């Protein structure tokens, strides 16, 4: 009888950053609870959620990543005031823009730089969120501005929808893979 692959557990902290109402809380809710609620509730301070992802390694080992997800309030003054406390210990960043508001993409540079000032350069993945709102799109698909924004941080990007769940799982999986790679672990493809 073949033996079960060996399981290693690691803990990691990721922060979701971006302007107010881009869908950070909704992306987390979709990822953690596979649920969506279209009522807007402002995040005050930071909300912490948890979920596990299992990664298969090339050597038949498996890694269970216990992810602590910090949903950071999207107000600039708040970011400057409490960034040390909320970003401390982060291993990855999900930078979230709202496809219907072009300014939210431009602001992400400051958010990511704010995290880097506290923890150094860590993996970043961009979520271009709300692709379900096709009639209200302001950031065009394949827009060169997305490429320019993400290139500065060597960050991949995904078009996501917390409402439909499109690419949400993939978004977190990719960030998890990047965190593992930075820790010197490579995931089986």
N, C-alpha and C. Protein backbone atom coordinates (compact mmCIF):
# COMPACT_ATOMS: atom_id res chain seq x y z
N UNK A 1 0.86 -1.19 0.00
CA UNK A 1 0.00 0.00 0.00
C UNK A 1 0.90 1.24 0.00
N UNK A 2 0.70 2.17 -0.94
CA UNK A 2 1.56 3.36 -0.99
C UNK A 2 1.35 4.23 0.25
N UNK A 3 2.46 4.81 0.72
CA UNK A 3 2.36 5.65 1.91
C UNK A 3 1.81 7.02 1.55
N UNK A 4 1.17 7.62 2.53
CA UNK A 4 0.63 8.98 2.33
C UNK A 4 1.80 9.96 2.25
N UNK A 5 1.66 10.97 1.41
CA UNK A 5 2.73 11.97 1.35
C UNK A 5 2.90 12.66 2.70
N UNK A 6 4.12 13.00 3.00
CA UNK A 6 4.42 13.70 4.25
C UNK A 6 3.86 15.12 4.18
N UNK A 7 3.24 15.58 5.28
CA UNK A 7 2.64 16.92 5.30
C UNK A 7 3.46 17.83 6.21
N UNK A 8 3.87 18.95 5.65
CA UNK A 8 4.57 19.96 6.44
C UNK A 8 3.62 21.14 6.57
N UNK A 9 3.59 21.77 7.74
CA UNK A 9 2.71 22.92 7.95
C UNK A 9 3.55 24.18 8.08
N UNK A 10 3.10 25.23 7.41
CA UNK A 10 3.73 26.53 7.61
C UNK A 10 2.62 27.57 7.79
N UNK A 11 2.95 28.60 8.52
CA UNK A 11 2.00 29.69 8.73
C UNK A 11 2.50 30.90 7.96
N UNK A 12 1.57 31.64 7.39
CA UNK A 12 1.97 32.86 6.67
C UNK A 12 0.89 33.91 6.83
N UNK A 13 1.30 35.15 6.75
CA UNK A 13 0.39 36.29 6.85
C UNK A 13 0.39 37.03 5.53
N UNK A 14 -0.79 37.29 5.00
CA UNK A 14 -0.91 38.12 3.80
C UNK A 14 -1.83 39.30 4.10
N UNK A 15 -1.55 40.42 3.46
CA UNK A 15 -2.37 41.63 3.63
C UNK A 15 -3.06 41.95 2.31
N UNK A 16 -4.33 42.29 2.39
CA UNK A 16 -5.03 42.83 1.23
C UNK A 16 -5.04 44.33 1.39
N UNK A 17 -4.57 45.03 0.35
CA UNK A 17 -4.52 46.49 0.39
C UNK A 17 -5.22 47.06 -0.83
N UNK A 18 -5.65 48.30 -0.70
CA UNK A 18 -6.32 49.00 -1.79
C UNK A 18 -7.30 50.01 -1.21
N UNK A 19 -7.81 50.84 -2.08
CA UNK A 19 -8.72 51.89 -1.67
C UNK A 19 -10.03 51.31 -1.12
N UNK A 20 -10.81 52.15 -0.46
CA UNK A 20 -12.11 51.74 0.08
C UNK A 20 -13.02 51.26 -1.06
N UNK A 21 -13.82 50.24 -0.80
CA UNK A 21 -14.85 49.73 -1.70
C UNK A 21 -14.33 49.09 -2.99
N UNK A 22 -13.09 48.59 -2.98
CA UNK A 22 -12.59 47.88 -4.17
C UNK A 22 -12.99 46.41 -4.14
N UNK A 23 -13.42 45.92 -2.97
CA UNK A 23 -13.86 44.53 -2.86
C UNK A 23 -12.93 43.63 -2.07
N UNK A 24 -12.07 44.21 -1.23
CA UNK A 24 -11.14 43.39 -0.44
C UNK A 24 -11.89 42.42 0.47
N UNK A 25 -12.83 42.93 1.23
CA UNK A 25 -13.59 42.10 2.16
C UNK A 25 -14.38 41.03 1.40
N UNK A 26 -14.94 41.39 0.27
CA UNK A 26 -15.71 40.43 -0.54
C UNK A 26 -14.83 39.34 -1.12
N UNK A 27 -13.61 39.68 -1.55
CA UNK A 27 -12.68 38.67 -2.06
C UNK A 27 -12.33 37.67 -0.95
N UNK A 28 -12.07 38.19 0.25
CA UNK A 28 -11.73 37.31 1.38
C UNK A 28 -12.92 36.42 1.73
N UNK A 29 -14.10 37.01 1.76
CA UNK A 29 -15.30 36.23 2.09
C UNK A 29 -15.52 35.11 1.07
N UNK A 30 -15.30 35.42 -0.21
CA UNK A 30 -15.44 34.41 -1.26
C UNK A 30 -14.39 33.31 -1.07
N UNK A 31 -13.16 33.68 -0.75
CA UNK A 31 -12.07 32.72 -0.59
C UNK A 31 -12.24 31.86 0.66
N UNK A 32 -12.61 32.47 1.77
CA UNK A 32 -12.69 31.75 3.04
C UNK A 32 -14.01 31.00 3.20
N UNK A 33 -15.13 31.63 2.82
CA UNK A 33 -16.46 31.05 3.07
C UNK A 33 -17.18 30.63 1.80
N UNK A 34 -16.59 30.90 0.62
CA UNK A 34 -17.24 30.67 -0.67
C UNK A 34 -18.63 31.29 -0.69
N UNK A 35 -18.67 32.57 -0.30
CA UNK A 35 -19.92 33.29 -0.16
C UNK A 35 -19.74 34.71 -0.68
N UNK A 36 -20.84 35.36 -1.03
CA UNK A 36 -20.80 36.75 -1.48
C UNK A 36 -22.01 37.48 -0.90
N UNK A 37 -21.77 38.71 -0.45
CA UNK A 37 -22.84 39.56 0.07
C UNK A 37 -22.62 40.93 -0.56
N UNK A 38 -23.61 41.42 -1.31
CA UNK A 38 -23.38 42.69 -2.02
C UNK A 38 -23.68 43.93 -1.18
N UNK A 39 -23.99 43.74 0.09
CA UNK A 39 -24.13 44.92 0.97
C UNK A 39 -22.73 45.43 1.29
N UNK A 40 -22.53 46.72 1.19
CA UNK A 40 -21.21 47.28 1.49
C UNK A 40 -21.10 47.60 2.97
N UNK A 41 -20.10 47.02 3.60
CA UNK A 41 -19.84 47.31 5.01
C UNK A 41 -18.39 47.76 5.10
N UNK A 42 -18.17 48.96 5.58
CA UNK A 42 -16.82 49.50 5.69
C UNK A 42 -16.02 48.70 6.71
N UNK A 43 -14.80 48.34 6.33
CA UNK A 43 -13.90 47.68 7.28
C UNK A 43 -13.30 48.76 8.16
N UNK A 44 -13.43 48.59 9.45
CA UNK A 44 -12.83 49.52 10.40
C UNK A 44 -11.58 48.86 10.96
N UNK A 45 -10.44 49.51 10.79
CA UNK A 45 -9.18 48.92 11.25
C UNK A 45 -8.79 47.79 10.32
N UNK A 46 -8.68 46.61 10.87
CA UNK A 46 -8.35 45.44 10.07
C UNK A 46 -9.17 44.27 10.56
N UNK A 47 -9.57 43.43 9.63
CA UNK A 47 -10.30 42.21 9.96
C UNK A 47 -9.39 41.05 9.58
N UNK A 48 -9.28 40.08 10.45
CA UNK A 48 -8.39 38.95 10.22
C UNK A 48 -9.20 37.68 9.97
N UNK A 49 -8.89 36.98 8.88
CA UNK A 49 -9.54 35.71 8.54
C UNK A 49 -8.46 34.66 8.34
N UNK A 50 -8.87 33.40 8.34
CA UNK A 50 -7.90 32.31 8.16
C UNK A 50 -8.44 31.28 7.19
N UNK A 51 -7.50 30.66 6.46
CA UNK A 51 -7.84 29.54 5.59
C UNK A 51 -6.57 28.75 5.33
N UNK A 52 -6.73 27.49 5.04
CA UNK A 52 -5.58 26.64 4.71
C UNK A 52 -5.60 26.32 3.23
N UNK A 53 -4.40 26.23 2.64
CA UNK A 53 -4.25 25.76 1.27
C UNK A 53 -3.18 24.68 1.32
N UNK A 54 -3.40 23.58 0.59
CA UNK A 54 -2.41 22.52 0.52
C UNK A 54 -1.72 22.57 -0.84
N UNK A 55 -0.40 22.53 -0.81
CA UNK A 55 0.41 22.55 -2.02
C UNK A 55 1.15 21.22 -2.15
N UNK A 56 1.17 20.65 -3.36
CA UNK A 56 1.95 19.45 -3.64
C UNK A 56 3.34 19.88 -4.03
N UNK A 57 4.33 19.23 -3.41
CA UNK A 57 5.73 19.55 -3.69
C UNK A 57 6.30 18.50 -4.65
N UNK A 58 7.39 18.83 -5.35
CA UNK A 58 7.95 17.89 -6.31
C UNK A 58 8.41 16.57 -5.69
N UNK A 59 8.79 16.57 -4.41
CA UNK A 59 9.32 15.37 -3.75
C UNK A 59 8.24 14.54 -3.06
N UNK A 60 7.01 14.63 -3.54
CA UNK A 60 5.85 13.92 -2.99
C UNK A 60 5.45 14.41 -1.61
N UNK A 61 6.12 15.40 -1.10
CA UNK A 61 5.69 15.98 0.17
C UNK A 61 4.57 16.96 -0.13
N UNK A 62 3.84 17.31 0.89
CA UNK A 62 2.79 18.32 0.75
C UNK A 62 3.01 19.37 1.83
N UNK A 63 2.66 20.59 1.48
CA UNK A 63 2.75 21.68 2.45
C UNK A 63 1.35 22.22 2.68
N UNK A 64 0.98 22.28 3.95
CA UNK A 64 -0.28 22.93 4.31
C UNK A 64 0.08 24.32 4.78
N UNK A 65 -0.39 25.31 4.04
CA UNK A 65 -0.12 26.71 4.40
C UNK A 65 -1.33 27.23 5.15
N UNK A 66 -1.12 27.59 6.41
CA UNK A 66 -2.17 28.23 7.20
C UNK A 66 -2.03 29.73 6.96
N UNK A 67 -2.96 30.28 6.20
CA UNK A 67 -2.88 31.68 5.82
C UNK A 67 -3.73 32.53 6.75
N UNK A 68 -3.11 33.54 7.32
CA UNK A 68 -3.83 34.55 8.08
C UNK A 68 -3.96 35.74 7.14
N UNK A 69 -5.19 36.11 6.83
CA UNK A 69 -5.46 37.14 5.83
C UNK A 69 -5.92 38.41 6.54
N UNK A 70 -5.16 39.47 6.36
CA UNK A 70 -5.48 40.75 6.99
C UNK A 70 -6.15 41.66 5.96
N UNK A 71 -7.38 42.01 6.25
CA UNK A 71 -8.17 42.91 5.42
C UNK A 71 -7.99 44.31 6.00
N UNK A 72 -7.23 45.15 5.31
CA UNK A 72 -6.85 46.45 5.83
C UNK A 72 -7.81 47.54 5.34
N UNK A 73 -8.27 48.36 6.25
CA UNK A 73 -9.16 49.48 5.92
C UNK A 73 -8.57 50.33 4.80
N UNK A 74 -9.39 50.73 3.84
CA UNK A 74 -8.90 51.43 2.66
C UNK A 74 -8.80 52.94 2.75
N UNK A 75 -8.56 53.48 3.92
CA UNK A 75 -8.42 54.93 4.05
C UNK A 75 -6.95 55.31 4.20
N UNK A 76 -6.51 56.29 3.39
CA UNK A 76 -5.10 56.67 3.39
C UNK A 76 -4.58 57.11 4.77
N UNK A 77 -5.30 57.95 5.45
CA UNK A 77 -4.86 58.44 6.75
C UNK A 77 -4.67 57.29 7.72
N UNK A 78 -5.54 56.33 7.63
CA UNK A 78 -5.46 55.15 8.47
C UNK A 78 -4.19 54.36 8.14
N UNK A 79 -3.92 54.20 6.84
CA UNK A 79 -2.74 53.44 6.41
C UNK A 79 -1.48 54.03 7.03
N UNK A 80 -1.36 55.33 6.96
CA UNK A 80 -0.16 55.98 7.49
C UNK A 80 -0.07 55.86 9.00
N UNK A 81 -1.20 55.91 9.65
CA UNK A 81 -1.25 55.88 11.10
C UNK A 81 -0.87 54.51 11.68
N UNK A 82 -1.41 53.45 11.10
CA UNK A 82 -1.27 52.14 11.73
C UNK A 82 -0.57 51.08 10.89
N UNK A 83 0.12 51.52 9.84
CA UNK A 83 0.71 50.54 8.93
C UNK A 83 1.71 49.61 9.61
N UNK A 84 2.50 50.13 10.55
CA UNK A 84 3.49 49.29 11.23
C UNK A 84 2.80 48.08 11.86
N UNK A 85 1.75 48.34 12.60
CA UNK A 85 1.06 47.26 13.32
C UNK A 85 0.41 46.26 12.37
N UNK A 86 -0.21 46.76 11.32
CA UNK A 86 -0.97 45.86 10.46
C UNK A 86 -0.13 45.15 9.41
N UNK A 87 0.94 45.76 8.93
CA UNK A 87 1.76 45.13 7.91
C UNK A 87 2.86 44.24 8.50
N UNK A 88 3.21 44.46 9.76
CA UNK A 88 4.31 43.72 10.40
C UNK A 88 4.13 42.21 10.24
N UNK A 89 5.16 41.54 9.77
CA UNK A 89 5.14 40.08 9.64
C UNK A 89 4.50 39.56 8.37
N UNK A 90 4.04 40.45 7.49
CA UNK A 90 3.41 39.99 6.25
C UNK A 90 4.44 39.32 5.34
N UNK A 91 4.01 38.25 4.68
CA UNK A 91 4.87 37.51 3.74
C UNK A 91 4.41 37.70 2.30
N UNK A 92 3.21 38.28 2.13
CA UNK A 92 2.67 38.49 0.79
C UNK A 92 1.61 39.57 0.80
N UNK A 93 1.40 40.18 -0.38
CA UNK A 93 0.43 41.28 -0.52
C UNK A 93 -0.50 40.98 -1.69
N UNK A 94 -1.80 41.12 -1.45
CA UNK A 94 -2.77 41.14 -2.53
C UNK A 94 -3.20 42.59 -2.68
N UNK A 95 -2.85 43.17 -3.82
CA UNK A 95 -3.18 44.57 -4.10
C UNK A 95 -4.44 44.57 -4.97
N UNK A 96 -5.50 45.19 -4.46
CA UNK A 96 -6.81 45.09 -5.11
C UNK A 96 -7.23 46.42 -5.73
N UNK A 97 -7.57 46.38 -7.02
CA UNK A 97 -8.11 47.54 -7.73
C UNK A 97 -9.54 47.21 -8.17
N UNK A 98 -10.33 48.23 -8.34
CA UNK A 98 -11.72 48.11 -8.80
C UNK A 98 -11.75 48.47 -10.28
N UNK A 99 -12.16 47.52 -11.10
CA UNK A 99 -12.19 47.69 -12.56
C UNK A 99 -13.07 48.88 -12.99
N UNK A 100 -13.98 49.30 -12.11
CA UNK A 100 -14.89 50.39 -12.47
C UNK A 100 -14.38 51.76 -12.02
N UNK A 101 -13.25 51.78 -11.30
CA UNK A 101 -12.68 53.05 -10.84
C UNK A 101 -11.18 53.07 -11.13
N UNK A 102 -10.80 53.78 -12.17
CA UNK A 102 -9.42 53.80 -12.63
C UNK A 102 -8.45 54.28 -11.55
N UNK A 103 -8.87 55.22 -10.72
CA UNK A 103 -7.98 55.78 -9.69
C UNK A 103 -7.52 54.72 -8.70
N UNK A 104 -8.30 53.64 -8.52
CA UNK A 104 -7.92 52.62 -7.55
C UNK A 104 -6.68 51.85 -7.99
N UNK A 105 -6.44 51.78 -9.28
CA UNK A 105 -5.21 51.14 -9.79
C UNK A 105 -4.01 52.04 -9.51
N UNK A 106 -4.17 53.33 -9.78
CA UNK A 106 -3.08 54.29 -9.56
C UNK A 106 -2.64 54.33 -8.10
N UNK A 107 -3.59 54.21 -7.17
CA UNK A 107 -3.29 54.30 -5.74
C UNK A 107 -2.55 53.08 -5.20
N UNK A 108 -2.59 51.96 -5.91
CA UNK A 108 -1.98 50.74 -5.39
C UNK A 108 -0.47 50.84 -5.22
N UNK A 109 0.18 51.65 -6.03
CA UNK A 109 1.63 51.83 -5.90
C UNK A 109 1.97 52.29 -4.49
N UNK A 110 1.24 53.30 -3.99
CA UNK A 110 1.47 53.81 -2.63
C UNK A 110 1.18 52.75 -1.56
N UNK A 111 0.12 51.98 -1.77
CA UNK A 111 -0.22 50.94 -0.80
C UNK A 111 0.90 49.91 -0.72
N UNK A 112 1.36 49.42 -1.87
CA UNK A 112 2.40 48.38 -1.89
C UNK A 112 3.70 48.93 -1.31
N UNK A 113 4.05 50.17 -1.68
CA UNK A 113 5.27 50.78 -1.13
C UNK A 113 5.16 50.91 0.39
N UNK A 114 3.96 51.20 0.90
CA UNK A 114 3.74 51.30 2.34
C UNK A 114 4.03 49.98 3.04
N UNK A 115 3.62 48.88 2.43
CA UNK A 115 3.90 47.56 3.01
C UNK A 115 5.41 47.30 2.96
N UNK A 116 6.04 47.57 1.81
CA UNK A 116 7.47 47.33 1.64
C UNK A 116 8.31 48.11 2.67
N UNK A 117 7.87 49.32 3.01
CA UNK A 117 8.61 50.13 4.00
C UNK A 117 8.65 49.44 5.36
N UNK A 118 7.63 48.65 5.65
CA UNK A 118 7.54 47.97 6.95
C UNK A 118 8.24 46.62 6.93
N UNK A 119 8.03 45.82 5.87
CA UNK A 119 8.50 44.43 5.87
C UNK A 119 9.53 44.11 4.79
N UNK A 120 9.91 45.10 3.98
CA UNK A 120 10.81 44.81 2.87
C UNK A 120 10.01 44.31 1.67
N UNK A 121 10.71 43.98 0.59
CA UNK A 121 10.02 43.55 -0.62
C UNK A 121 9.58 42.10 -0.48
N UNK A 122 8.29 41.89 -0.58
CA UNK A 122 7.68 40.57 -0.48
C UNK A 122 6.83 40.35 -1.73
N UNK A 123 6.42 39.11 -1.99
CA UNK A 123 5.61 38.85 -3.19
C UNK A 123 4.30 39.64 -3.20
N UNK A 124 3.96 40.12 -4.41
CA UNK A 124 2.74 40.91 -4.63
C UNK A 124 1.97 40.30 -5.79
N UNK A 125 0.67 40.17 -5.62
CA UNK A 125 -0.22 39.77 -6.71
C UNK A 125 -1.33 40.82 -6.77
N UNK A 126 -1.65 41.27 -7.98
CA UNK A 126 -2.72 42.24 -8.19
C UNK A 126 -4.02 41.54 -8.54
N UNK A 127 -5.11 42.01 -7.93
CA UNK A 127 -6.46 41.57 -8.29
C UNK A 127 -7.16 42.77 -8.91
N UNK A 128 -7.51 42.63 -10.17
CA UNK A 128 -8.31 43.66 -10.84
C UNK A 128 -9.75 43.16 -10.69
N UNK A 129 -10.44 43.67 -9.69
CA UNK A 129 -11.69 43.09 -9.21
C UNK A 129 -12.93 43.71 -9.86
N UNK A 130 -14.03 43.00 -9.71
CA UNK A 130 -15.37 43.40 -10.18
C UNK A 130 -15.54 43.23 -11.68
N UNK A 131 -14.94 42.18 -12.26
CA UNK A 131 -15.10 41.97 -13.70
C UNK A 131 -16.52 41.58 -14.07
N UNK A 132 -17.34 41.28 -13.07
CA UNK A 132 -18.75 40.99 -13.34
C UNK A 132 -19.52 42.25 -13.72
N UNK A 133 -18.94 43.44 -13.45
CA UNK A 133 -19.61 44.71 -13.77
C UNK A 133 -19.15 45.22 -15.14
N UNK A 134 -19.34 44.40 -16.16
CA UNK A 134 -18.81 44.69 -17.50
C UNK A 134 -19.29 46.03 -18.08
N UNK A 135 -20.48 46.45 -17.72
CA UNK A 135 -21.02 47.71 -18.27
C UNK A 135 -20.39 48.95 -17.66
N UNK A 136 -19.67 48.80 -16.55
CA UNK A 136 -19.12 49.96 -15.86
C UNK A 136 -17.60 50.02 -15.90
N UNK A 137 -16.99 49.19 -16.73
CA UNK A 137 -15.53 49.07 -16.78
C UNK A 137 -14.85 50.39 -17.14
N UNK A 138 -13.85 50.77 -16.34
CA UNK A 138 -13.04 51.96 -16.62
C UNK A 138 -11.60 51.57 -16.98
N UNK A 139 -11.13 50.45 -16.41
CA UNK A 139 -9.78 49.96 -16.72
C UNK A 139 -9.97 48.91 -17.81
N UNK A 140 -9.40 49.12 -18.97
CA UNK A 140 -9.62 48.22 -20.09
C UNK A 140 -8.83 46.93 -19.91
N UNK A 141 -9.40 45.82 -20.40
CA UNK A 141 -8.70 44.54 -20.38
C UNK A 141 -7.40 44.67 -21.17
N UNK A 142 -6.33 44.14 -20.62
CA UNK A 142 -5.04 44.22 -21.30
C UNK A 142 -4.49 45.63 -21.32
N UNK A 143 -5.06 46.49 -20.52
CA UNK A 143 -4.66 47.89 -20.46
C UNK A 143 -3.17 48.00 -20.12
N UNK A 144 -2.47 48.81 -20.88
CA UNK A 144 -1.02 48.94 -20.62
C UNK A 144 -0.75 49.50 -19.23
N UNK A 145 -1.69 50.26 -18.67
CA UNK A 145 -1.49 50.80 -17.33
C UNK A 145 -1.44 49.68 -16.29
N UNK A 146 -2.20 48.60 -16.50
CA UNK A 146 -2.13 47.47 -15.57
C UNK A 146 -0.74 46.86 -15.65
N UNK A 147 -0.24 46.67 -16.86
CA UNK A 147 1.10 46.13 -17.05
C UNK A 147 2.16 47.00 -16.41
N UNK A 148 2.03 48.31 -16.58
CA UNK A 148 3.00 49.23 -15.98
C UNK A 148 2.93 49.19 -14.45
N UNK A 149 1.72 49.16 -13.92
CA UNK A 149 1.54 49.16 -12.45
C UNK A 149 2.12 47.89 -11.84
N UNK A 150 1.89 46.75 -12.47
CA UNK A 150 2.34 45.48 -11.91
C UNK A 150 3.81 45.21 -12.17
N UNK A 151 4.33 45.72 -13.26
CA UNK A 151 5.73 45.48 -13.62
C UNK A 151 6.68 46.03 -12.57
N UNK A 152 6.35 47.15 -11.97
CA UNK A 152 7.21 47.77 -10.96
C UNK A 152 7.50 46.81 -9.80
N UNK A 153 6.56 45.90 -9.53
CA UNK A 153 6.70 44.96 -8.41
C UNK A 153 6.87 43.52 -8.90
N UNK A 154 7.06 43.35 -10.21
CA UNK A 154 7.13 42.01 -10.80
C UNK A 154 5.95 41.17 -10.35
N UNK A 155 4.77 41.79 -10.37
CA UNK A 155 3.57 41.16 -9.84
C UNK A 155 2.68 40.62 -10.96
N UNK A 156 2.26 39.37 -10.85
CA UNK A 156 1.24 38.90 -11.78
C UNK A 156 -0.08 39.57 -11.43
N UNK A 157 -1.03 39.56 -12.37
CA UNK A 157 -2.35 40.10 -12.04
C UNK A 157 -3.43 39.19 -12.58
N UNK A 158 -4.57 39.23 -11.90
CA UNK A 158 -5.72 38.42 -12.27
C UNK A 158 -6.95 39.32 -12.29
N UNK A 159 -7.79 39.11 -13.29
CA UNK A 159 -9.10 39.74 -13.30
C UNK A 159 -9.99 38.87 -12.42
N UNK A 160 -10.60 39.47 -11.39
CA UNK A 160 -11.36 38.68 -10.43
C UNK A 160 -12.78 39.21 -10.25
N UNK A 161 -13.61 38.34 -9.70
CA UNK A 161 -14.96 38.74 -9.28
C UNK A 161 -15.28 38.01 -7.99
N UNK A 162 -15.41 38.78 -6.92
CA UNK A 162 -15.82 38.18 -5.65
C UNK A 162 -17.26 37.68 -5.77
N UNK A 163 -18.05 38.34 -6.63
CA UNK A 163 -19.45 37.97 -6.78
C UNK A 163 -19.60 36.58 -7.42
N UNK A 164 -18.89 36.34 -8.52
CA UNK A 164 -19.01 35.05 -9.22
C UNK A 164 -17.96 34.04 -8.75
N UNK A 165 -16.91 34.53 -8.08
CA UNK A 165 -15.82 33.66 -7.64
C UNK A 165 -14.72 33.51 -8.68
N UNK A 166 -14.88 34.15 -9.83
CA UNK A 166 -13.90 34.00 -10.91
C UNK A 166 -12.49 34.39 -10.48
N UNK A 167 -11.57 33.45 -10.62
CA UNK A 167 -10.13 33.61 -10.35
C UNK A 167 -9.78 33.90 -8.89
N UNK A 168 -10.71 33.84 -7.97
CA UNK A 168 -10.40 34.16 -6.57
C UNK A 168 -9.48 33.09 -5.97
N UNK A 169 -9.84 31.83 -6.15
CA UNK A 169 -9.01 30.73 -5.64
C UNK A 169 -7.61 30.80 -6.26
N UNK A 170 -7.57 31.02 -7.57
CA UNK A 170 -6.31 31.10 -8.31
C UNK A 170 -5.42 32.23 -7.79
N UNK A 171 -6.03 33.35 -7.47
CA UNK A 171 -5.33 34.51 -6.94
C UNK A 171 -4.56 34.17 -5.65
N UNK A 172 -5.25 33.54 -4.71
CA UNK A 172 -4.62 33.19 -3.44
C UNK A 172 -3.61 32.06 -3.61
N UNK A 173 -3.93 31.10 -4.49
CA UNK A 173 -2.99 30.00 -4.77
C UNK A 173 -1.67 30.56 -5.32
N UNK A 174 -1.79 31.51 -6.25
CA UNK A 174 -0.58 32.08 -6.86
C UNK A 174 0.26 32.81 -5.83
N UNK A 175 -0.39 33.60 -4.98
CA UNK A 175 0.35 34.30 -3.94
C UNK A 175 1.02 33.29 -2.99
N UNK A 176 0.30 32.24 -2.63
CA UNK A 176 0.87 31.20 -1.77
C UNK A 176 2.09 30.56 -2.40
N UNK A 177 2.01 30.26 -3.69
CA UNK A 177 3.14 29.68 -4.42
C UNK A 177 4.33 30.62 -4.41
N UNK A 178 4.09 31.91 -4.61
CA UNK A 178 5.17 32.91 -4.61
C UNK A 178 5.82 33.02 -3.23
N UNK A 179 5.00 32.94 -2.17
CA UNK A 179 5.54 32.99 -0.81
C UNK A 179 6.41 31.76 -0.56
N UNK A 180 5.94 30.58 -0.96
CA UNK A 180 6.73 29.36 -0.79
C UNK A 180 8.06 29.45 -1.54
N UNK A 181 8.00 29.94 -2.77
CA UNK A 181 9.21 30.07 -3.58
C UNK A 181 10.22 31.00 -2.89
N UNK A 182 9.72 32.08 -2.33
CA UNK A 182 10.60 33.03 -1.62
C UNK A 182 11.22 32.38 -0.39
N UNK A 183 10.50 31.40 0.18
CA UNK A 183 11.02 30.69 1.35
C UNK A 183 11.95 29.54 0.93
N UNK A 184 12.19 29.42 -0.38
CA UNK A 184 13.10 28.38 -0.89
C UNK A 184 12.42 27.05 -1.17
N UNK A 185 11.09 27.05 -1.25
CA UNK A 185 10.34 25.83 -1.54
C UNK A 185 9.66 25.95 -2.90
N UNK A 186 9.78 24.94 -3.74
CA UNK A 186 9.12 25.03 -5.05
C UNK A 186 7.96 24.05 -5.10
N UNK A 187 6.87 24.52 -5.66
CA UNK A 187 5.64 23.76 -5.74
C UNK A 187 5.61 22.97 -7.04
N UNK A 188 5.08 21.75 -6.98
CA UNK A 188 4.93 20.94 -8.19
C UNK A 188 3.92 21.61 -9.11
N UNK A 189 4.19 21.57 -10.40
CA UNK A 189 3.26 22.24 -11.32
C UNK A 189 2.16 21.32 -11.76
